Amino acid sequence: MRIYCMSDIHGCLEPFLKALETVDLESEDSRLLLLGDYCDRGPDSLGVFRTVMGLQERYGERVVALRGNHEEQLIEYLSNVDDPDFAQAWKLADSNQARPRGPSSIRMSSSICGTSSS
């Protein structure tokens, strides 16, 4: 059995699709384990979700998609979106005011998504 494993895609659809080119799910004994964190940070979380759901629809139990902490946070947000205090806290937590980052981490985040900030 061949097992492929991926995690922390974070909305970076293009690199995810590139990585999927190395995965052979046509073989009955292959499995793809996706370990969560499909959304947030990158430019196309919705595209990543659609791709994961499409893989599950096409390959059934050969594709196992676990929910990560970023999906948990998204579900929590969507459950509380009508609460103005919660919505404000979410916006602050996602801004540079709450988590200032240095240039090196910004460069690394950008390179993960296939772009360069230098």
N, C-alpha and C. Protein backbone atom coordinates (compact mmCIF):
# COMPACT_ATOMS: atom_id res chain seq x y z
N MET A 1 0.84 -1.18 0.00
CA MET A 1 0.00 0.00 0.00
C MET A 1 0.88 1.24 0.00
N ARG A 2 0.52 2.20 -0.81
CA ARG A 2 1.23 3.48 -0.85
C ARG A 2 0.35 4.53 -0.17
N ILE A 3 0.93 5.24 0.82
CA ILE A 3 0.20 6.26 1.56
C ILE A 3 0.88 7.61 1.34
N TYR A 4 0.10 8.57 0.86
CA TYR A 4 0.56 9.94 0.68
C TYR A 4 -0.04 10.77 1.82
N CYS A 5 0.71 11.73 2.28
CA CYS A 5 0.26 12.53 3.41
C CYS A 5 0.60 14.00 3.17
N MET A 6 -0.37 14.89 3.39
CA MET A 6 -0.16 16.33 3.22
C MET A 6 -0.87 17.07 4.35
N SER A 7 -0.32 18.22 4.71
CA SER A 7 -0.99 19.05 5.72
C SER A 7 -0.64 20.51 5.50
N ASP A 8 -1.35 21.36 6.23
CA ASP A 8 -1.06 22.80 6.27
C ASP A 8 -1.02 23.45 4.89
N ILE A 9 -2.06 23.25 4.13
CA ILE A 9 -2.16 23.81 2.79
C ILE A 9 -2.48 25.31 2.86
N HIS A 10 -3.25 25.70 3.83
CA HIS A 10 -3.51 27.11 4.16
C HIS A 10 -3.91 27.99 2.97
N GLY A 11 -4.82 27.49 2.15
CA GLY A 11 -5.34 28.32 1.07
C GLY A 11 -4.43 28.48 -0.13
N CYS A 12 -3.35 27.75 -0.17
CA CYS A 12 -2.38 27.85 -1.28
C CYS A 12 -2.71 26.78 -2.32
N LEU A 13 -3.71 27.06 -3.15
CA LEU A 13 -4.22 26.08 -4.10
C LEU A 13 -3.18 25.64 -5.12
N GLU A 14 -2.47 26.56 -5.73
CA GLU A 14 -1.53 26.19 -6.80
C GLU A 14 -0.44 25.22 -6.32
N PRO A 15 0.24 25.49 -5.20
CA PRO A 15 1.22 24.51 -4.72
C PRO A 15 0.57 23.17 -4.34
N PHE A 16 -0.66 23.22 -3.82
CA PHE A 16 -1.39 21.99 -3.49
C PHE A 16 -1.63 21.17 -4.74
N LEU A 17 -2.10 21.81 -5.81
CA LEU A 17 -2.33 21.11 -7.07
C LEU A 17 -1.04 20.53 -7.62
N LYS A 18 0.05 21.27 -7.50
CA LYS A 18 1.36 20.79 -7.96
C LYS A 18 1.76 19.54 -7.17
N ALA A 19 1.56 19.58 -5.86
CA ALA A 19 1.90 18.41 -5.02
C ALA A 19 1.01 17.22 -5.38
N LEU A 20 -0.25 17.47 -5.70
CA LEU A 20 -1.16 16.38 -6.06
C LEU A 20 -0.74 15.67 -7.34
N GLU A 21 0.04 16.34 -8.19
CA GLU A 21 0.52 15.70 -9.42
C GLU A 21 1.40 14.50 -9.11
N THR A 22 1.98 14.44 -7.92
CA THR A 22 2.85 13.32 -7.54
C THR A 22 2.07 12.17 -6.90
N VAL A 23 0.77 12.35 -6.71
CA VAL A 23 -0.06 11.37 -6.02
C VAL A 23 -0.79 10.51 -7.04
N ASP A 24 -0.68 9.19 -6.90
CA ASP A 24 -1.37 8.25 -7.79
C ASP A 24 -2.55 7.63 -7.05
N LEU A 25 -3.71 8.24 -7.19
CA LEU A 25 -4.89 7.70 -6.53
C LEU A 25 -5.67 6.74 -7.43
N GLU A 26 -5.23 6.56 -8.66
CA GLU A 26 -5.90 5.61 -9.55
C GLU A 26 -5.65 4.18 -9.07
N SER A 27 -4.55 3.96 -8.40
CA SER A 27 -4.23 2.64 -7.86
C SER A 27 -5.12 2.35 -6.66
N GLU A 28 -5.76 1.20 -6.64
CA GLU A 28 -6.68 0.83 -5.56
C GLU A 28 -6.00 0.78 -4.19
N ASP A 29 -4.69 0.53 -4.17
CA ASP A 29 -4.02 0.41 -2.86
C ASP A 29 -3.33 1.70 -2.42
N SER A 30 -3.65 2.82 -3.06
CA SER A 30 -3.10 4.12 -2.65
C SER A 30 -4.09 4.85 -1.76
N ARG A 31 -3.55 5.61 -0.82
CA ARG A 31 -4.36 6.43 0.07
C ARG A 31 -3.74 7.82 0.17
N LEU A 32 -4.59 8.83 0.27
CA LEU A 32 -4.14 10.20 0.50
C LEU A 32 -4.71 10.65 1.83
N LEU A 33 -3.84 10.98 2.77
CA LEU A 33 -4.25 11.49 4.07
C LEU A 33 -3.98 12.99 4.09
N LEU A 34 -5.03 13.76 4.27
CA LEU A 34 -4.92 15.22 4.37
C LEU A 34 -5.16 15.58 5.82
N LEU A 35 -4.18 16.21 6.44
CA LEU A 35 -4.17 16.37 7.89
C LEU A 35 -4.68 17.71 8.39
N GLY A 36 -5.41 18.43 7.56
CA GLY A 36 -6.05 19.64 8.03
C GLY A 36 -5.32 20.92 7.69
N ASP A 37 -5.92 22.02 8.14
CA ASP A 37 -5.45 23.38 7.87
C ASP A 37 -5.44 23.68 6.37
N TYR A 38 -6.63 23.55 5.78
CA TYR A 38 -6.82 23.82 4.36
C TYR A 38 -7.02 25.30 4.08
N CYS A 39 -7.46 26.04 5.09
CA CYS A 39 -7.84 27.44 4.90
C CYS A 39 -6.93 28.39 5.67
N ASP A 40 -7.10 29.68 5.36
CA ASP A 40 -6.42 30.76 6.07
C ASP A 40 -5.06 31.05 5.42
N ARG A 41 -4.68 32.26 5.45
CA ARG A 41 -3.38 32.77 4.99
C ARG A 41 -3.24 32.87 3.48
N GLY A 42 -3.43 31.81 2.75
CA GLY A 42 -3.23 31.83 1.31
C GLY A 42 -4.40 32.45 0.56
N PRO A 43 -4.25 32.62 -0.76
CA PRO A 43 -5.23 33.37 -1.54
C PRO A 43 -6.48 32.60 -1.96
N ASP A 44 -6.52 31.26 -1.79
CA ASP A 44 -7.66 30.52 -2.35
C ASP A 44 -8.11 29.36 -1.46
N SER A 45 -8.54 29.69 -0.26
CA SER A 45 -9.05 28.66 0.65
C SER A 45 -10.24 27.93 0.05
N LEU A 46 -11.15 28.66 -0.58
CA LEU A 46 -12.33 28.04 -1.18
C LEU A 46 -11.92 27.03 -2.26
N GLY A 47 -10.95 27.39 -3.07
CA GLY A 47 -10.46 26.47 -4.09
C GLY A 47 -9.87 25.21 -3.49
N VAL A 48 -9.16 25.35 -2.38
CA VAL A 48 -8.60 24.18 -1.69
C VAL A 48 -9.74 23.31 -1.17
N PHE A 49 -10.75 23.91 -0.52
CA PHE A 49 -11.89 23.13 -0.02
C PHE A 49 -12.57 22.39 -1.16
N ARG A 50 -12.79 23.07 -2.27
CA ARG A 50 -13.45 22.43 -3.42
C ARG A 50 -12.62 21.28 -3.96
N THR A 51 -11.31 21.46 -4.01
CA THR A 51 -10.43 20.40 -4.51
C THR A 51 -10.48 19.19 -3.59
N VAL A 52 -10.40 19.41 -2.28
CA VAL A 52 -10.44 18.31 -1.31
C VAL A 52 -11.77 17.56 -1.44
N MET A 53 -12.88 18.30 -1.50
CA MET A 53 -14.19 17.65 -1.62
C MET A 53 -14.31 16.89 -2.95
N GLY A 54 -13.74 17.45 -4.01
CA GLY A 54 -13.75 16.77 -5.30
C GLY A 54 -12.96 15.47 -5.27
N LEU A 55 -11.82 15.49 -4.59
CA LEU A 55 -11.01 14.28 -4.45
C LEU A 55 -11.78 13.21 -3.67
N GLN A 56 -12.45 13.63 -2.60
CA GLN A 56 -13.22 12.68 -1.80
C GLN A 56 -14.38 12.11 -2.62
N GLU A 57 -15.02 12.95 -3.40
CA GLU A 57 -16.13 12.48 -4.22
C GLU A 57 -15.64 11.48 -5.28
N ARG A 58 -14.52 11.78 -5.88
CA ARG A 58 -14.01 10.93 -6.96
C ARG A 58 -13.40 9.63 -6.45
N TYR A 59 -12.62 9.71 -5.35
CA TYR A 59 -11.86 8.55 -4.90
C TYR A 59 -12.40 7.91 -3.62
N GLY A 60 -13.45 8.46 -3.06
CA GLY A 60 -14.09 7.86 -1.89
C GLY A 60 -13.15 7.69 -0.72
N GLU A 61 -13.15 6.50 -0.16
CA GLU A 61 -12.37 6.24 1.07
C GLU A 61 -10.86 6.24 0.85
N ARG A 62 -10.41 6.35 -0.38
CA ARG A 62 -8.97 6.47 -0.61
C ARG A 62 -8.44 7.84 -0.20
N VAL A 63 -9.33 8.81 0.01
CA VAL A 63 -8.94 10.16 0.45
C VAL A 63 -9.56 10.42 1.82
N VAL A 64 -8.69 10.59 2.81
CA VAL A 64 -9.13 10.88 4.18
C VAL A 64 -8.72 12.31 4.49
N ALA A 65 -9.71 13.16 4.78
CA ALA A 65 -9.44 14.57 5.08
C ALA A 65 -9.83 14.85 6.53
N LEU A 66 -8.84 15.12 7.34
CA LEU A 66 -9.08 15.46 8.74
C LEU A 66 -9.26 16.96 8.89
N ARG A 67 -9.94 17.36 9.93
CA ARG A 67 -10.17 18.77 10.20
C ARG A 67 -9.08 19.27 11.14
N GLY A 68 -8.44 20.38 10.76
CA GLY A 68 -7.38 20.97 11.57
C GLY A 68 -7.88 22.13 12.42
N ASN A 69 -6.97 22.73 13.16
CA ASN A 69 -7.37 23.83 14.04
C ASN A 69 -7.87 25.05 13.26
N HIS A 70 -7.39 25.26 12.04
CA HIS A 70 -7.88 26.40 11.26
C HIS A 70 -9.32 26.18 10.80
N GLU A 71 -9.68 24.94 10.50
CA GLU A 71 -11.08 24.65 10.18
C GLU A 71 -11.95 24.80 11.43
N GLU A 72 -11.44 24.36 12.57
CA GLU A 72 -12.17 24.54 13.83
C GLU A 72 -12.42 26.03 14.09
N GLN A 73 -11.40 26.85 13.86
CA GLN A 73 -11.55 28.30 14.07
C GLN A 73 -12.57 28.89 13.09
N LEU A 74 -12.55 28.43 11.85
CA LEU A 74 -13.51 28.91 10.86
C LEU A 74 -14.94 28.53 11.27
N ILE A 75 -15.13 27.30 11.71
CA ILE A 75 -16.45 26.86 12.16
C ILE A 75 -16.91 27.69 13.35
N GLU A 76 -16.00 27.93 14.28
CA GLU A 76 -16.32 28.75 15.45
C GLU A 76 -16.72 30.16 15.02
N TYR A 77 -15.97 30.71 14.08
CA TYR A 77 -16.29 32.06 13.58
C TYR A 77 -17.68 32.08 12.93
N LEU A 78 -17.93 31.12 12.06
CA LEU A 78 -19.21 31.09 11.36
C LEU A 78 -20.38 30.87 12.32
N SER A 79 -20.12 30.18 13.41
CA SER A 79 -21.16 29.95 14.42
C SER A 79 -21.46 31.20 15.23
N ASN A 80 -20.52 32.14 15.28
CA ASN A 80 -20.66 33.32 16.12
C ASN A 80 -20.61 34.63 15.34
N VAL A 81 -20.79 34.56 14.05
CA VAL A 81 -20.62 35.75 13.21
C VAL A 81 -21.59 36.87 13.58
N ASP A 82 -22.72 36.54 14.18
CA ASP A 82 -23.69 37.57 14.57
C ASP A 82 -23.33 38.26 15.88
N ASP A 83 -22.35 37.72 16.59
CA ASP A 83 -21.91 38.32 17.86
C ASP A 83 -20.86 39.39 17.53
N PRO A 84 -21.18 40.68 17.69
CA PRO A 84 -20.25 41.75 17.29
C PRO A 84 -18.92 41.70 18.04
N ASP A 85 -18.93 41.29 19.31
CA ASP A 85 -17.68 41.19 20.06
C ASP A 85 -16.79 40.10 19.49
N PHE A 86 -17.40 38.97 19.15
CA PHE A 86 -16.63 37.86 18.59
C PHE A 86 -16.08 38.24 17.22
N ALA A 87 -16.91 38.86 16.39
CA ALA A 87 -16.47 39.25 15.05
C ALA A 87 -15.32 40.24 15.13
N GLN A 88 -15.39 41.19 16.05
CA GLN A 88 -14.30 42.17 16.22
C GLN A 88 -13.02 41.47 16.69
N ALA A 89 -13.16 40.53 17.62
CA ALA A 89 -11.98 39.80 18.11
C ALA A 89 -11.35 38.99 16.98
N TRP A 90 -12.17 38.40 16.12
CA TRP A 90 -11.66 37.63 14.98
C TRP A 90 -10.87 38.54 14.04
N LYS A 91 -11.42 39.71 13.74
CA LYS A 91 -10.74 40.65 12.84
C LYS A 91 -9.42 41.10 13.45
N LEU A 92 -9.41 41.39 14.74
CA LEU A 92 -8.19 41.81 15.40
C LEU A 92 -7.15 40.69 15.39
N ALA A 93 -7.58 39.48 15.68
CA ALA A 93 -6.65 38.35 15.72
C ALA A 93 -6.04 38.07 14.36
N ASP A 94 -6.76 38.43 13.30
CA ASP A 94 -6.26 38.19 11.95
C ASP A 94 -5.50 39.38 11.39
N SER A 95 -5.32 40.42 12.19
CA SER A 95 -4.62 41.61 11.71
C SER A 95 -3.21 41.66 12.27
N ASN A 96 -2.41 42.54 11.71
CA ASN A 96 -1.05 42.73 12.19
C ASN A 96 -1.02 43.36 13.58
N GLN A 97 -2.11 43.99 14.01
CA GLN A 97 -2.16 44.59 15.34
C GLN A 97 -2.03 43.52 16.42
N ALA A 98 -2.63 42.37 16.18
CA ALA A 98 -2.62 41.32 17.20
C ALA A 98 -1.35 40.48 17.14
N ARG A 99 -0.86 40.24 15.93
CA ARG A 99 0.31 39.37 15.77
C ARG A 99 1.30 39.99 14.81
N PRO A 100 2.03 40.99 15.22
CA PRO A 100 3.01 41.56 14.28
C PRO A 100 4.05 40.51 13.90
N ARG A 101 4.42 40.50 12.64
CA ARG A 101 5.38 39.51 12.15
C ARG A 101 6.58 40.24 11.56
N GLY A 102 7.71 39.61 11.68
CA GLY A 102 8.92 40.17 11.10
C GLY A 102 9.02 39.85 9.62
N PRO A 103 9.90 40.55 8.92
CA PRO A 103 10.05 40.33 7.47
C PRO A 103 10.39 38.89 7.10
N SER A 104 11.18 38.21 7.93
CA SER A 104 11.57 36.84 7.55
C SER A 104 10.36 35.91 7.52
N SER A 105 9.43 36.06 8.46
CA SER A 105 8.26 35.18 8.44
C SER A 105 7.33 35.55 7.29
N ILE A 106 7.25 36.82 6.92
CA ILE A 106 6.43 37.22 5.78
C ILE A 106 7.00 36.62 4.50
N ARG A 107 8.31 36.69 4.35
CA ARG A 107 8.95 36.10 3.18
C ARG A 107 8.66 34.60 3.11
N MET A 108 8.78 33.92 4.25
CA MET A 108 8.55 32.48 4.26
C MET A 108 7.10 32.18 3.91
N SER A 109 6.15 32.90 4.49
CA SER A 109 4.74 32.67 4.18
C SER A 109 4.47 32.89 2.70
N SER A 110 5.05 33.92 2.12
CA SER A 110 4.84 34.19 0.71
C SER A 110 5.45 33.10 -0.15
N SER A 111 6.62 32.61 0.21
CA SER A 111 7.26 31.59 -0.62
C SER A 111 6.50 30.28 -0.54
N ILE A 112 5.86 30.00 0.58
CA ILE A 112 5.06 28.79 0.70
C ILE A 112 3.90 28.83 -0.30
N CYS A 113 3.36 30.01 -0.53
CA CYS A 113 2.23 30.16 -1.45
C CYS A 113 2.69 30.35 -2.89
N GLY A 114 3.97 30.23 -3.14
CA GLY A 114 4.47 30.28 -4.50
C GLY A 114 4.77 31.66 -5.02
N THR A 115 4.85 32.65 -4.15
CA THR A 115 5.23 33.99 -4.59
C THR A 115 6.45 34.42 -3.81
N SER A 116 7.07 35.45 -4.25
CA SER A 116 8.25 35.95 -3.55
C SER A 116 8.00 37.38 -3.12
N SER A 117 8.36 37.70 -1.88
CA SER A 117 8.16 39.07 -1.40
C SER A 117 9.44 39.87 -1.43
N SER A 118 10.53 39.29 -1.93
CA SER A 118 11.79 40.04 -1.95
C SER A 118 11.95 40.84 -3.22
